[in-house]
Amino acid sequence: MYDHNQLEIPDAFAALYLSPGGNRPTATRAAVTARYEFCEDLANHLGEYARTQLHQFELSEAEVLLRCHAGLAGGAAGVNPGETGWVIHRLAEIEGWVCPELPALT
């Protein structure tokens, strides 16, 4: 069957859905695509918030990213731990910021 969704999922995101050995997907292509679209949208929407935090509270870029990470890690945003890290790295990439080392989540 022809896949009408031509969206290219970055390897870093797709890796979140590989088995521990790294060779078998743990979700369908449709499920991974839906999660990727959600996480990409979330990273883009966080941009304005992050820039506001940076200027309004005179925080460093790293502090803003760490605060966003902590907020997403609470679970209310609907992202799992792996997605949380990906979203913050993507946010940093979008803003042109250097992403600090993020705390491990369980």
N, C-alpha and C. Protein backbone atom coordinates (compact mmCIF):
# COMPACT_ATOMS: atom_id res chain seq x y z
N MET A 1 0.84 -1.18 0.00
CA MET A 1 0.00 0.00 0.00
C MET A 1 0.89 1.24 0.00
N TYR A 2 0.47 2.23 -0.74
CA TYR A 2 1.21 3.48 -0.85
C TYR A 2 1.00 4.31 0.41
N ASP A 3 2.10 4.81 0.97
CA ASP A 3 2.03 5.66 2.15
C ASP A 3 1.87 7.10 1.68
N HIS A 4 0.71 7.69 1.89
CA HIS A 4 0.43 9.05 1.43
C HIS A 4 1.18 10.09 2.25
N ASN A 5 1.62 9.72 3.44
CA ASN A 5 2.34 10.67 4.28
C ASN A 5 3.81 10.65 3.90
N GLN A 6 4.25 11.71 3.25
CA GLN A 6 5.63 11.82 2.80
C GLN A 6 6.51 12.50 3.83
N LEU A 7 6.01 12.73 5.03
CA LEU A 7 6.76 13.39 6.08
C LEU A 7 8.01 12.58 6.43
N GLU A 8 9.13 13.25 6.44
CA GLU A 8 10.37 12.59 6.80
C GLU A 8 10.63 12.80 8.30
N ILE A 9 10.70 11.73 9.04
CA ILE A 9 10.92 11.79 10.48
C ILE A 9 12.42 11.76 10.74
N PRO A 10 12.94 12.72 11.50
CA PRO A 10 14.38 12.73 11.79
C PRO A 10 14.81 11.45 12.50
N ASP A 11 16.01 11.01 12.20
CA ASP A 11 16.54 9.78 12.82
C ASP A 11 16.54 9.87 14.34
N ALA A 12 16.87 11.04 14.87
CA ALA A 12 16.93 11.20 16.33
C ALA A 12 15.57 10.96 16.97
N PHE A 13 14.50 11.34 16.27
CA PHE A 13 13.17 11.09 16.81
C PHE A 13 12.78 9.63 16.61
N ALA A 14 13.02 9.10 15.43
CA ALA A 14 12.67 7.71 15.15
C ALA A 14 13.37 6.77 16.12
N ALA A 15 14.58 7.12 16.55
CA ALA A 15 15.34 6.28 17.48
C ALA A 15 14.63 6.12 18.82
N LEU A 16 13.75 7.06 19.15
CA LEU A 16 12.99 6.95 20.40
C LEU A 16 12.04 5.76 20.37
N TYR A 17 11.74 5.29 19.19
CA TYR A 17 10.76 4.21 19.01
C TYR A 17 11.39 2.94 18.47
N LEU A 18 12.65 2.73 18.80
CA LEU A 18 13.32 1.47 18.45
C LEU A 18 13.49 0.62 19.69
N SER A 19 13.47 -0.68 19.51
CA SER A 19 13.67 -1.60 20.63
C SER A 19 15.06 -1.38 21.21
N PRO A 20 15.32 -1.86 22.43
CA PRO A 20 16.62 -1.65 23.06
C PRO A 20 17.81 -2.05 22.19
N GLY A 21 17.68 -3.04 21.35
CA GLY A 21 18.74 -3.42 20.43
C GLY A 21 18.89 -2.45 19.28
N GLY A 22 17.89 -1.61 19.09
CA GLY A 22 17.95 -0.57 18.09
C GLY A 22 17.60 -0.98 16.68
N ASN A 23 16.94 -2.12 16.51
CA ASN A 23 16.66 -2.53 15.13
C ASN A 23 15.19 -2.81 14.85
N ARG A 24 14.35 -2.87 15.86
CA ARG A 24 12.92 -3.15 15.65
C ARG A 24 12.08 -2.00 16.20
N PRO A 25 11.18 -1.48 15.39
CA PRO A 25 10.31 -0.41 15.88
C PRO A 25 9.35 -0.93 16.95
N THR A 26 9.06 -0.06 17.91
CA THR A 26 8.13 -0.42 18.98
C THR A 26 6.74 0.17 18.75
N ALA A 27 6.57 0.87 17.62
CA ALA A 27 5.28 1.46 17.28
C ALA A 27 5.15 1.48 15.75
N THR A 28 3.95 1.64 15.29
CA THR A 28 3.71 1.71 13.84
C THR A 28 4.22 3.03 13.28
N ARG A 29 4.41 3.05 11.98
CA ARG A 29 4.83 4.28 11.30
C ARG A 29 3.83 5.39 11.55
N ALA A 30 2.55 5.06 11.51
CA ALA A 30 1.50 6.06 11.74
C ALA A 30 1.58 6.63 13.15
N ALA A 31 1.82 5.78 14.13
CA ALA A 31 1.92 6.24 15.51
C ALA A 31 3.14 7.12 15.72
N VAL A 32 4.27 6.72 15.16
CA VAL A 32 5.51 7.51 15.29
C VAL A 32 5.33 8.86 14.58
N THR A 33 4.70 8.84 13.42
CA THR A 33 4.46 10.08 12.67
C THR A 33 3.58 11.03 13.48
N ALA A 34 2.54 10.51 14.09
CA ALA A 34 1.64 11.34 14.90
C ALA A 34 2.39 11.94 16.09
N ARG A 35 3.21 11.13 16.74
CA ARG A 35 3.99 11.63 17.89
C ARG A 35 5.00 12.67 17.44
N TYR A 36 5.65 12.44 16.29
CA TYR A 36 6.62 13.40 15.78
C TYR A 36 5.95 14.73 15.49
N GLU A 37 4.80 14.69 14.81
CA GLU A 37 4.09 15.93 14.49
C GLU A 37 3.71 16.68 15.76
N PHE A 38 3.26 15.96 16.77
CA PHE A 38 2.89 16.58 18.05
C PHE A 38 4.12 17.24 18.68
N CYS A 39 5.23 16.51 18.74
CA CYS A 39 6.44 17.02 19.39
C CYS A 39 7.05 18.19 18.61
N GLU A 40 7.03 18.13 17.30
CA GLU A 40 7.53 19.24 16.47
C GLU A 40 6.69 20.48 16.70
N ASP A 41 5.37 20.33 16.73
CA ASP A 41 4.48 21.46 17.01
C ASP A 41 4.75 22.03 18.40
N LEU A 42 4.93 21.17 19.36
CA LEU A 42 5.19 21.60 20.73
C LEU A 42 6.49 22.41 20.80
N ALA A 43 7.54 21.93 20.16
CA ALA A 43 8.82 22.65 20.16
C ALA A 43 8.65 24.03 19.51
N ASN A 44 7.91 24.09 18.43
CA ASN A 44 7.70 25.38 17.77
C ASN A 44 6.86 26.33 18.62
N HIS A 45 5.86 25.81 19.28
CA HIS A 45 5.02 26.66 20.14
C HIS A 45 5.79 27.14 21.38
N LEU A 46 6.72 26.37 21.85
CA LEU A 46 7.50 26.78 23.02
C LEU A 46 8.47 27.92 22.71
N GLY A 47 8.73 28.17 21.43
CA GLY A 47 9.68 29.20 21.05
C GLY A 47 9.33 30.57 21.60
N GLU A 48 8.10 31.01 21.40
CA GLU A 48 7.69 32.33 21.90
C GLU A 48 7.78 32.39 23.41
N TYR A 49 7.32 31.34 24.08
CA TYR A 49 7.40 31.28 25.54
C TYR A 49 8.86 31.37 26.00
N ALA A 50 9.73 30.62 25.35
CA ALA A 50 11.14 30.61 25.73
C ALA A 50 11.78 31.98 25.54
N ARG A 51 11.50 32.64 24.44
CA ARG A 51 12.05 33.97 24.19
C ARG A 51 11.55 34.97 25.22
N THR A 52 10.27 34.85 25.60
CA THR A 52 9.71 35.73 26.62
C THR A 52 10.40 35.52 27.95
N GLN A 53 10.61 34.26 28.32
CA GLN A 53 11.30 33.95 29.58
C GLN A 53 12.72 34.52 29.58
N LEU A 54 13.38 34.37 28.46
CA LEU A 54 14.77 34.84 28.31
C LEU A 54 14.86 36.34 28.61
N HIS A 55 13.96 37.12 28.04
CA HIS A 55 14.04 38.58 28.17
C HIS A 55 13.33 39.12 29.40
N GLN A 56 12.19 38.57 29.72
CA GLN A 56 11.41 39.09 30.84
C GLN A 56 12.09 38.84 32.18
N PHE A 57 12.70 37.67 32.33
CA PHE A 57 13.30 37.32 33.61
C PHE A 57 14.82 37.36 33.57
N GLU A 58 15.37 37.80 32.44
CA GLU A 58 16.82 37.91 32.28
C GLU A 58 17.53 36.61 32.62
N LEU A 59 17.00 35.53 32.09
CA LEU A 59 17.59 34.21 32.28
C LEU A 59 18.56 33.92 31.14
N SER A 60 19.45 32.98 31.35
CA SER A 60 20.30 32.53 30.25
C SER A 60 19.49 31.57 29.38
N GLU A 61 19.97 31.35 28.18
CA GLU A 61 19.31 30.39 27.29
C GLU A 61 19.26 29.01 27.94
N ALA A 62 20.35 28.61 28.57
CA ALA A 62 20.40 27.30 29.23
C ALA A 62 19.37 27.20 30.34
N GLU A 63 19.22 28.27 31.13
CA GLU A 63 18.23 28.26 32.21
C GLU A 63 16.82 28.14 31.66
N VAL A 64 16.55 28.83 30.58
CA VAL A 64 15.22 28.75 29.96
C VAL A 64 14.95 27.33 29.49
N LEU A 65 15.92 26.73 28.81
CA LEU A 65 15.74 25.37 28.31
C LEU A 65 15.56 24.38 29.45
N LEU A 66 16.32 24.55 30.52
CA LEU A 66 16.18 23.65 31.67
C LEU A 66 14.82 23.81 32.34
N ARG A 67 14.32 25.02 32.40
CA ARG A 67 12.98 25.24 32.97
C ARG A 67 11.89 24.62 32.08
N CYS A 68 12.05 24.77 30.78
CA CYS A 68 11.09 24.15 29.86
C CYS A 68 11.14 22.63 30.01
N HIS A 69 12.33 22.10 30.14
CA HIS A 69 12.50 20.65 30.32
C HIS A 69 11.79 20.19 31.59
N ALA A 70 11.98 20.92 32.68
CA ALA A 70 11.33 20.56 33.94
C ALA A 70 9.82 20.62 33.81
N GLY A 71 9.32 21.60 33.10
CA GLY A 71 7.88 21.72 32.90
C GLY A 71 7.31 20.56 32.10
N LEU A 72 8.00 20.18 31.05
CA LEU A 72 7.53 19.05 30.23
C LEU A 72 7.64 17.74 30.98
N ALA A 73 8.64 17.63 31.84
CA ALA A 73 8.88 16.39 32.57
C ALA A 73 7.77 16.07 33.55
N GLY A 74 6.96 17.05 33.90
CA GLY A 74 5.88 16.84 34.84
C GLY A 74 4.79 15.92 34.30
N GLY A 75 4.75 15.71 33.00
CA GLY A 75 3.79 14.80 32.41
C GLY A 75 2.52 15.43 31.89
N ALA A 76 2.21 16.64 32.30
CA ALA A 76 0.96 17.27 31.88
C ALA A 76 0.97 17.64 30.40
N ALA A 77 2.14 17.77 29.80
CA ALA A 77 2.23 18.15 28.39
C ALA A 77 1.96 16.97 27.46
N GLY A 78 1.93 15.77 28.00
CA GLY A 78 1.61 14.60 27.18
C GLY A 78 2.78 14.02 26.41
N VAL A 79 3.99 14.29 26.88
CA VAL A 79 5.17 13.71 26.24
C VAL A 79 5.88 12.76 27.20
N ASN A 80 6.46 11.71 26.65
CA ASN A 80 7.19 10.77 27.49
C ASN A 80 8.62 11.28 27.71
N PRO A 81 9.40 10.64 28.57
CA PRO A 81 10.75 11.15 28.85
C PRO A 81 11.64 11.32 27.63
N GLY A 82 11.63 10.39 26.72
CA GLY A 82 12.45 10.52 25.51
C GLY A 82 12.01 11.68 24.64
N GLU A 83 10.71 11.82 24.50
CA GLU A 83 10.17 12.93 23.71
C GLU A 83 10.48 14.27 24.37
N THR A 84 10.46 14.30 25.69
CA THR A 84 10.77 15.53 26.42
C THR A 84 12.15 16.05 26.03
N GLY A 85 13.13 15.17 26.06
CA GLY A 85 14.49 15.56 25.68
C GLY A 85 14.56 16.00 24.23
N TRP A 86 13.88 15.28 23.36
CA TRP A 86 13.88 15.63 21.94
C TRP A 86 13.27 17.00 21.72
N VAL A 87 12.15 17.29 22.38
CA VAL A 87 11.49 18.58 22.22
C VAL A 87 12.42 19.71 22.64
N ILE A 88 13.12 19.54 23.75
CA ILE A 88 14.02 20.60 24.23
C ILE A 88 15.20 20.77 23.28
N HIS A 89 15.76 19.68 22.79
CA HIS A 89 16.84 19.80 21.81
C HIS A 89 16.35 20.49 20.54
N ARG A 90 15.15 20.16 20.12
CA ARG A 90 14.58 20.78 18.92
C ARG A 90 14.31 22.26 19.15
N LEU A 91 13.79 22.60 20.33
CA LEU A 91 13.57 24.01 20.69
C LEU A 91 14.88 24.78 20.62
N ALA A 92 15.94 24.21 21.19
CA ALA A 92 17.25 24.86 21.14
C ALA A 92 17.70 25.05 19.69
N GLU A 93 17.49 24.04 18.87
CA GLU A 93 17.87 24.12 17.46
C GLU A 93 17.08 25.22 16.75
N ILE A 94 15.79 25.29 16.97
CA ILE A 94 14.94 26.29 16.35
C ILE A 94 15.40 27.70 16.74
N GLU A 95 15.71 27.88 18.02
CA GLU A 95 16.11 29.20 18.51
C GLU A 95 17.58 29.53 18.24
N GLY A 96 18.35 28.55 17.83
CA GLY A 96 19.78 28.77 17.60
C GLY A 96 20.57 28.85 18.89
N TRP A 97 20.07 28.17 19.92
CA TRP A 97 20.71 28.15 21.22
C TRP A 97 21.47 26.84 21.40
N VAL A 98 22.45 26.86 22.29
CA VAL A 98 23.17 25.64 22.65
C VAL A 98 22.37 24.95 23.75
N CYS A 99 22.07 23.70 23.54
CA CYS A 99 21.29 22.95 24.52
C CYS A 99 22.21 22.45 25.63
N PRO A 100 21.87 22.74 26.88
CA PRO A 100 22.68 22.24 27.99
C PRO A 100 22.44 20.73 28.17
N GLU A 101 23.27 20.12 28.98
CA GLU A 101 23.00 18.73 29.33
C GLU A 101 21.72 18.69 30.15
N LEU A 102 20.81 17.85 29.74
CA LEU A 102 19.52 17.75 30.39
C LEU A 102 19.53 16.64 31.44
N PRO A 103 18.86 16.86 32.55
CA PRO A 103 18.78 15.81 33.57
C PRO A 103 18.06 14.57 33.02
N ALA A 104 18.50 13.43 33.45
CA ALA A 104 17.87 12.18 33.02
C ALA A 104 16.48 12.08 33.63
N LEU A 105 15.56 11.54 32.85
CA LEU A 105 14.19 11.32 33.30
C LEU A 105 13.91 9.83 33.31
N THR A 106 13.07 9.44 34.21
CA THR A 106 12.69 8.02 34.26
C THR A 106 11.23 7.84 33.97
